[in-house]
Amino acid sequence: MIVTLTPNPSIDRAVTIDALSRGAVQRATSSRVDPGGKGLNVSRAVAAMGGDTLAVLPSGGLEGGMLEALCRAASVPVVVVPIAGSVRMNISVLEPDGTTTKINEPGPVLDAAEVDALIEHALANVPAGAWLSGGGSLPPGAPTDFYGRLVRGAREHGVRVAVDTSGAPLAPAVDARPALIKPNREELGELVGRDLPTMGAVLDAAQALQRGGVGMVAVSLGRDGAVLVTGEGAWHANAVASEVVSTVAAGDCMLAGFLSALSADRPAADALAEGVRWGTAAVALPGSQVPTPADLRDIHVAVTSAPDRELALAD
């Protein structure tokens, strides 16, 4: 089972237009609405693939009611922590060439009791030995060490935690030594304080974090796939997307596939391949739509245990 915690979930509206023109009135050619937030996207992907998942999230206001309804429609079981504020709404503008422009609201202000309740509800609903995936930005009012607190609490419960966040909350989470972190290349570079233009630079940064106490470091690399560093070695996996419609939630789908494979006791290299397969399928779908088993057909993933350290990574 994979339990997810999303402290700042959203209602995600994706609109498709021919070309974005600042200051102009434009007509959308299509639109869709999905429940969003990194942790919730992981649960959505797991559910769409027929897996066992549970999403823990705050909910309040009219938007909260809509979020809960969208989760039910997506067959995602939820544990709701009531909050006084309203859930945020995010907008993604998609162009035919795959360019995605996102406008994310900050989210509701949480008080200390609401923050504590989120962590308590998450820990109370994870079976021992299962994965708990915490992800996304923090809403106003949540402390920077939110994910660090989650990791430390989970360790006392015998629960493995995967963290997928960025910016200020990532460093305290790393300091707490989670079982897994999943930054993208830019987020990893910000964490270690330097640019990472090559595969070798990414591997060096990930290996330093792993030696510092993080169990596994999975780094998404966009068109270059992903790398995984564990105490046993390093792997690079890549696949070619048939088309790129939207990159929204692709990294979340990658994490969902990776955790699903690990939960089935598959080897780390196989889990990385499964994650890249799910993520590659996601970019061919509109908005933050998550893939189903049918979307995985004909996606071939190449995996190597000897990543090319000289490879210059795509921007």
Foldseek 3Di string as FASTA:
>chain_A
DEEEEFAAKAWEKEFEFADDDPPDDGDTPDMDIAIGGLRVLLQLQCVLAVHDYEYEYEADDPRRVVNVVRCVVSVHHYDYQYFHDHHYYKYWYFHPQQDIDIDTDQTDAGAPVSLVVSLVVQLVPDQAPAEYEYEDDHHHNHDLCSLLVSQVVNVVVNYAYEYEYADSSPVSNLVSQGQEYEEEQVRLCVNVVHHQFWPQSVVVSQVVSQVVRHAKYWYQQVQQQIKIDGPVAIKGKHWDAPHFGYQPNLQSQLVSQLSVCVVVVHDNQVSSNRSSLQSSLQRVDHDSDGDYPVSSPPIDMDMDRDDDRGGGGDD
